Amino acid sequence: MNRDDTLWKGILENLFPDFLRFFFQDADKLLNIEKGFEFLDKELEQLFPSEEIDAPKFVDKLVKVFTKGGKEEWILVHIEVQGYNDKEFAKRMFTYFYRILDKYGKPVTAIAIFTDRNKKYHPSVFEYEFLGTRNTFSFNTYKIIDQNEEVLIENDNPFAIVILTILLALKRNKPDDESLFNLKYLLARNLLKRKIEKKKIDDLLIFLHQYVRFADSDYSLKFDKVIEELTENKRNMGIREMVLERAKKEGEEKYQVSVVRNLLLTKRFTIREVSGFAEVSESFVLKVMKSLNI
């Protein structure tokens, strides 16, 4: 298992209630989230041993989730995080489905999260037909590269930060470490403004730090220090006070100009997006643009 697999598996388990609420709008109405979950990773591996798969697997999870009322006391949620083009992926999802259904006899819902850069790769259906026998299996999908950053930033669900982190990793075209540092810091600051319990904040900060890496190890150490400062300061002061204190230390306007400049130089964001990320007015962004002759 590589580093990214470990990060994904960890964050799915740590934020699973938020995962359910992020992908299923009626999660709280249908599911007894407060009752907890059972992660059936070993059972899933037995259902589909690794030697049966030609291509390398990325991340897969099977979770037992209790329901509210109805005939079924619990259901199964099958999750696949897929990071590469695999022409057999839809068939594999179907194989997982019928083996899970056959073993447990409980309702199964499946979702595939695609973390690759290929916008044309988006399997969602497996179809089979032979001599009058026909089967169509469709499953939930979520393509991260297609998501809107502004919508995710406005989403209060903590799992939106996970998606934003992956989106940052996918969309950046090898910016310099200074630009990357500023983007990661903005995400961290955005996270700290949310009303999220400390444990989740810590988990998300670590995910952000580890998933999107710097080329220069010095920047990694620098971001380590930032995370340490953010988490330590949060214990002693409110989030707003902490952000203001940091702004005072660095010189707010100077820092904002630096952030806007680096965002503009990536040539990936609109004026409105830069304004939102840096928390400045659009006229401020235009002023910086003019100084750069863009």
Protein backbone atom coordinates (compact mmCIF):
# COMPACT_ATOMS: atom_id res chain seq x y z
CA MET A 1 0.00 0.00 0.00
CA ASN A 2 1.45 3.36 -0.99
CA ARG A 3 1.31 6.59 0.99
CA ASP A 4 -1.78 8.00 -0.76
CA ASP A 5 -3.71 4.75 -0.20
CA THR A 6 -2.97 4.93 3.51
CA LEU A 7 -4.09 8.57 3.66
CA TRP A 8 -7.34 7.79 1.84
CA LYS A 9 -8.17 4.79 4.01
CA GLY A 10 -7.46 6.79 7.15
CA ILE A 11 -9.50 9.83 6.19
CA LEU A 12 -12.46 7.70 5.07
CA GLU A 13 -12.58 6.04 8.47
CA ASN A 14 -11.99 9.24 10.45
CA LEU A 15 -14.60 11.25 8.54
CA PHE A 16 -17.05 8.53 7.55
CA PRO A 17 -20.17 10.28 8.94
CA ASP A 18 -19.20 13.37 6.94
CA PHE A 19 -18.53 11.16 3.90
CA LEU A 20 -22.09 9.79 4.09
CA ARG A 21 -23.58 13.26 4.46
CA PHE A 22 -21.44 14.60 1.59
CA PHE A 23 -22.50 11.97 -0.95
CA PHE A 24 -26.01 11.10 0.24
CA GLN A 25 -28.30 14.06 0.80
CA ASP A 26 -30.79 12.17 3.01
CA ALA A 27 -28.13 10.35 5.05
CA ASP A 28 -29.42 11.54 8.43
CA LYS A 29 -33.02 10.64 7.57
CA LEU A 30 -32.21 7.13 6.36
CA LEU A 31 -29.18 6.10 8.38
CA ASN A 32 -28.52 5.76 12.10
CA ILE A 33 -25.15 7.49 11.96
CA GLU A 34 -24.93 7.90 15.73
CA LYS A 35 -24.89 4.11 16.17
CA GLY A 36 -21.47 3.85 14.55
CA PHE A 37 -20.09 1.71 11.74
CA GLU A 38 -18.25 -1.52 11.12
CA PHE A 39 -15.44 -1.49 8.54
CA LEU A 40 -15.27 -4.83 6.76
CA ASP A 41 -11.91 -4.50 5.00
CA LYS A 42 -10.79 -8.06 5.72
CA GLU A 43 -14.14 -9.47 4.58
CA LEU A 44 -13.91 -7.45 1.36
CA GLU A 45 -10.41 -8.76 0.67
CA GLN A 46 -11.68 -12.33 1.08
CA LEU A 47 -14.50 -11.65 -1.38
CA PHE A 48 -12.09 -10.32 -3.99
CA PRO A 49 -8.49 -11.55 -3.37
CA SER A 50 -5.77 -9.36 -4.87
CA GLU A 51 -4.50 -12.22 -7.07
CA GLU A 52 -7.76 -12.03 -9.06
CA ILE A 53 -7.00 -8.47 -10.17
CA ASP A 54 -4.57 -7.90 -13.04
CA ALA A 55 -4.27 -4.12 -12.53
CA PRO A 56 -3.16 -2.67 -9.18
CA LYS A 57 -5.98 -1.75 -6.83
CA PHE A 58 -6.16 1.72 -5.32
CA VAL A 59 -8.48 2.01 -2.30
CA ASP A 60 -11.58 -0.03 -1.53
CA LYS A 61 -13.75 -0.19 1.56
CA LEU A 62 -16.88 -2.00 2.68
CA VAL A 63 -18.80 -0.49 5.58
CA LYS A 64 -21.73 -1.78 7.60
CA VAL A 65 -24.14 1.08 8.31
CA PHE A 66 -27.24 0.88 10.50
CA THR A 67 -30.54 2.26 9.25
CA LYS A 68 -33.52 4.01 10.82
CA GLY A 69 -36.66 1.89 10.79
CA GLY A 70 -37.83 -0.28 7.90
CA LYS A 71 -37.27 -3.99 7.43
CA GLU A 72 -33.50 -3.79 7.11
CA GLU A 73 -31.53 -3.08 10.27
CA TRP A 74 -28.33 -2.36 8.32
CA ILE A 75 -26.99 -1.89 4.82
CA LEU A 76 -23.56 -2.04 3.16
CA VAL A 77 -21.70 0.85 1.55
CA HIS A 78 -18.99 -0.16 -0.94
CA ILE A 79 -16.44 2.56 -1.77
CA GLU A 80 -13.77 2.50 -4.47
CA VAL A 81 -11.21 5.27 -4.90
CA GLN A 82 -9.79 4.89 -8.40
CA GLY A 83 -6.74 6.82 -9.58
CA TYR A 84 -5.91 5.33 -12.98
CA ASN A 85 -7.57 4.25 -16.24
CA ASP A 86 -8.77 0.66 -15.96
CA LYS A 87 -11.00 -0.69 -18.73
CA GLU A 88 -12.16 -3.50 -16.44
CA PHE A 89 -13.19 -1.18 -13.60
CA ALA A 90 -16.97 -1.28 -14.18
CA LYS A 91 -16.87 -5.08 -14.39
CA ARG A 92 -14.93 -5.19 -11.13
CA MET A 93 -17.54 -3.00 -9.45
CA PHE A 94 -20.23 -5.41 -10.62
CA THR A 95 -18.26 -8.40 -9.35
CA TYR A 96 -17.87 -6.75 -5.96
CA PHE A 97 -21.60 -6.04 -5.90
CA TYR A 98 -22.87 -9.53 -6.59
CA ARG A 99 -20.36 -11.15 -4.24
CA ILE A 100 -21.27 -8.75 -1.43
CA LEU A 101 -24.99 -9.22 -2.06
CA ASP A 102 -24.63 -13.01 -2.20
CA LYS A 103 -22.65 -13.19 1.05
CA TYR A 104 -24.67 -10.80 3.19
CA GLY A 105 -28.12 -10.64 1.58
CA LYS A 106 -28.44 -6.99 2.58
CA PRO A 107 -29.00 -3.84 0.49
CA VAL A 108 -25.77 -2.58 -1.09
CA THR A 109 -24.92 0.87 -2.42
CA ALA A 110 -21.67 1.45 -4.31
CA ILE A 111 -19.76 4.63 -5.08
CA ALA A 112 -16.60 5.15 -7.13
CA ILE A 113 -14.47 8.25 -6.53
CA PHE A 114 -12.16 9.01 -9.46
CA THR A 115 -8.94 10.86 -8.58
CA ASP A 116 -7.25 10.84 -12.01
CA ARG A 117 -6.76 13.74 -14.44
CA ASN A 118 -8.39 12.12 -17.49
CA LYS A 119 -11.77 13.83 -17.86
CA LYS A 120 -12.84 11.32 -20.49
CA TYR A 121 -12.44 8.41 -18.11
CA HIS A 122 -15.66 8.06 -16.13
CA PRO A 123 -17.11 4.51 -16.13
CA SER A 124 -20.45 4.23 -14.34
CA VAL A 125 -22.20 1.24 -15.93
CA PHE A 126 -21.40 -2.41 -16.59
CA GLU A 127 -23.48 -4.08 -19.28
CA TYR A 128 -23.60 -7.75 -20.23
CA GLU A 129 -25.56 -9.43 -23.01
CA PHE A 130 -25.32 -12.92 -24.45
CA LEU A 131 -27.95 -14.94 -26.33
CA GLY A 132 -30.90 -13.06 -24.86
CA THR A 133 -29.47 -12.78 -21.37
CA ARG A 134 -28.94 -9.16 -20.45
CA ASN A 135 -27.76 -7.32 -17.35
CA THR A 136 -27.12 -3.64 -16.66
CA PHE A 137 -25.40 -2.56 -13.44
CA SER A 138 -24.93 1.13 -12.64
CA PHE A 139 -23.25 2.68 -9.62
CA ASN A 140 -22.68 6.09 -8.03
CA THR A 141 -19.65 8.01 -9.30
CA TYR A 142 -17.83 11.21 -8.39
CA LYS A 143 -15.13 12.71 -10.64
CA ILE A 144 -12.99 15.08 -8.58
CA ILE A 145 -11.31 16.83 -11.54
CA ASP A 146 -14.78 18.00 -12.71
CA GLN A 147 -15.75 19.66 -9.42
CA ASN A 148 -16.19 23.39 -8.83
CA GLU A 149 -13.74 24.85 -6.32
CA GLU A 150 -16.05 27.70 -5.27
CA VAL A 151 -18.89 25.30 -4.50
CA LEU A 152 -16.58 23.14 -2.42
CA ILE A 153 -15.20 26.13 -0.51
CA GLU A 154 -18.75 27.16 0.42
CA ASN A 155 -19.67 23.61 1.48
CA ASP A 156 -19.61 23.32 5.29
CA ASN A 157 -19.13 19.54 5.25
CA PRO A 158 -15.58 18.68 6.44
CA PHE A 159 -15.24 16.11 3.64
CA ALA A 160 -15.30 18.99 1.14
CA ILE A 161 -11.78 19.83 2.38
CA VAL A 162 -10.64 16.34 1.37
CA ILE A 163 -12.02 16.88 -2.13
CA LEU A 164 -10.47 20.36 -2.33
CA THR A 165 -7.10 18.90 -1.37
CA ILE A 166 -7.28 16.28 -4.13
CA LEU A 167 -8.47 18.92 -6.59
CA LEU A 168 -5.46 21.07 -5.71
CA ALA A 169 -3.16 18.12 -6.39
CA LEU A 170 -4.87 17.39 -9.72
CA LYS A 171 -5.13 20.92 -11.11
CA ARG A 172 -1.77 22.36 -10.19
CA ASN A 173 0.68 22.27 -13.07
CA LYS A 174 3.90 22.06 -11.07
CA PRO A 175 3.78 25.56 -9.53
CA ASP A 176 6.74 26.72 -7.49
CA ASP A 177 6.77 25.71 -3.84
CA GLU A 178 6.00 29.26 -2.68
CA SER A 179 2.75 29.28 -4.68
CA LEU A 180 1.87 25.82 -3.42
CA PHE A 181 2.60 26.85 0.16
CA ASN A 182 0.23 29.81 -0.13
CA LEU A 183 -2.52 27.65 -1.64
CA LYS A 184 -2.16 25.05 1.11
CA TYR A 185 -2.13 27.74 3.77
CA LEU A 186 -5.34 29.23 2.36
CA LEU A 187 -6.99 25.81 2.51
CA ALA A 188 -5.80 25.35 6.09
CA ARG A 189 -7.11 28.78 7.07
CA ASN A 190 -10.42 28.03 5.37
CA LEU A 191 -10.62 24.80 7.36
CA LEU A 192 -10.00 26.56 10.65
CA LYS A 193 -12.88 28.96 10.06
CA ARG A 194 -15.31 26.06 10.01
CA LYS A 195 -17.13 24.83 13.08
CA ILE A 196 -15.43 21.45 13.20
CA GLU A 197 -14.26 19.47 16.20
CA LYS A 198 -10.53 19.55 16.90
CA LYS A 199 -9.89 15.87 16.06
CA LYS A 200 -11.31 16.33 12.56
CA ILE A 201 -9.31 19.52 12.06
CA ASP A 202 -6.11 17.70 12.99
CA ASP A 203 -6.92 14.82 10.63
CA LEU A 204 -7.69 17.17 7.75
CA LEU A 205 -4.58 19.31 8.29
CA ILE A 206 -2.40 16.20 8.21
CA PHE A 207 -4.18 14.97 5.06
CA LEU A 208 -3.64 18.36 3.38
CA HIS A 209 0.00 18.40 4.40
CA GLN A 210 0.83 14.87 3.31
CA TYR A 211 -1.25 14.49 0.14
CA VAL A 212 0.08 17.51 -1.77
CA ARG A 213 3.86 17.46 -1.48
CA PHE A 214 6.53 20.12 -1.92
CA ALA A 215 9.58 19.59 -4.13
CA ASP A 216 11.82 21.29 -1.57
CA SER A 217 11.91 19.60 1.83
CA ASP A 218 12.45 23.00 3.47
CA TYR A 219 8.92 23.97 2.49
CA SER A 220 7.64 20.76 3.97
CA LEU A 221 9.30 21.66 7.27
CA LYS A 222 7.90 25.17 6.97
CA PHE A 223 4.38 23.82 6.53
CA ASP A 224 4.95 21.42 9.43
CA LYS A 225 5.65 24.47 11.56
CA VAL A 226 2.55 26.25 10.25
CA ILE A 227 0.34 23.28 11.12
CA GLU A 228 1.93 23.10 14.56
CA GLU A 229 1.31 26.80 15.10
CA LEU A 230 -2.27 26.58 13.90
CA THR A 231 -3.16 23.63 16.09
CA GLU A 232 -1.31 24.99 19.14
CA ASN A 233 -2.76 28.46 18.80
CA LYS A 234 -6.25 27.08 18.37
CA ARG A 235 -6.09 25.69 21.91
CA ASN A 236 -5.37 29.13 23.33
CA MET A 237 -7.41 31.55 21.25
CA GLY A 238 -10.40 31.73 18.92
CA ILE A 239 -9.97 31.06 15.20
CA ARG A 240 -10.63 34.67 14.24
CA GLU A 241 -8.06 35.96 16.73
CA MET A 242 -5.51 33.43 15.52
CA VAL A 243 -5.89 34.47 11.87
CA LEU A 244 -5.69 38.14 12.77
CA GLU A 245 -2.57 37.54 14.86
CA ARG A 246 -0.85 35.81 11.95
CA ALA A 247 -1.86 38.62 9.60
CA LYS A 248 -0.32 41.18 11.97
CA LYS A 249 2.95 39.27 12.15
CA GLU A 250 3.37 39.01 8.39
CA GLY A 251 1.89 42.34 7.39
CA GLU A 252 -1.61 41.77 6.07
CA GLU A 253 -1.48 43.75 2.84
CA LYS A 254 1.99 42.51 1.94
CA TYR A 255 0.85 38.95 2.53
CA GLN A 256 -2.34 39.42 0.49
CA VAL A 257 -0.37 40.86 -2.44
CA SER A 258 1.96 37.85 -2.31
CA VAL A 259 -0.92 35.39 -2.25
CA VAL A 260 -2.82 37.09 -5.09
CA ARG A 261 0.36 37.36 -7.16
CA ASN A 262 1.13 33.66 -6.81
CA LEU A 263 -2.44 32.66 -7.61
CA LEU A 264 -2.44 34.82 -10.74
CA LEU A 265 0.87 33.43 -11.94
CA THR A 266 -0.54 29.90 -11.94
CA LYS A 267 -2.92 31.13 -14.72
CA ARG A 268 -5.57 28.66 -13.54
CA PHE A 269 -8.02 30.85 -11.64
CA THR A 270 -10.51 33.56 -12.61
CA ILE A 271 -10.41 36.98 -10.94
CA ARG A 272 -13.41 35.94 -8.87
CA GLU A 273 -11.75 32.71 -7.75
CA VAL A 274 -8.53 34.51 -6.78
CA SER A 275 -10.59 37.04 -4.86
CA GLY A 276 -12.36 34.28 -2.97
CA PHE A 277 -9.22 32.29 -2.18
CA ALA A 278 -7.26 35.32 -0.93
CA GLU A 279 -10.29 36.94 0.73
CA VAL A 280 -9.74 40.29 -0.99
CA SER A 281 -11.86 42.41 -3.32
CA GLU A 282 -11.82 41.88 -7.08
CA SER A 283 -10.51 45.42 -7.49
CA PHE A 284 -7.54 44.42 -5.29
CA VAL A 285 -6.88 41.47 -7.63
CA LEU A 286 -7.09 43.73 -10.69
CA LYS A 287 -4.61 46.11 -9.09
CA VAL A 288 -2.10 43.28 -8.59
CA MET A 289 -2.74 42.08 -12.15
CA LYS A 290 -1.91 45.52 -13.48
CA SER A 291 1.40 45.53 -11.58
CA LEU A 292 2.25 42.17 -13.19
CA ASN A 293 1.24 43.38 -16.68
CA ILE A 294 -1.03 40.34 -17.15
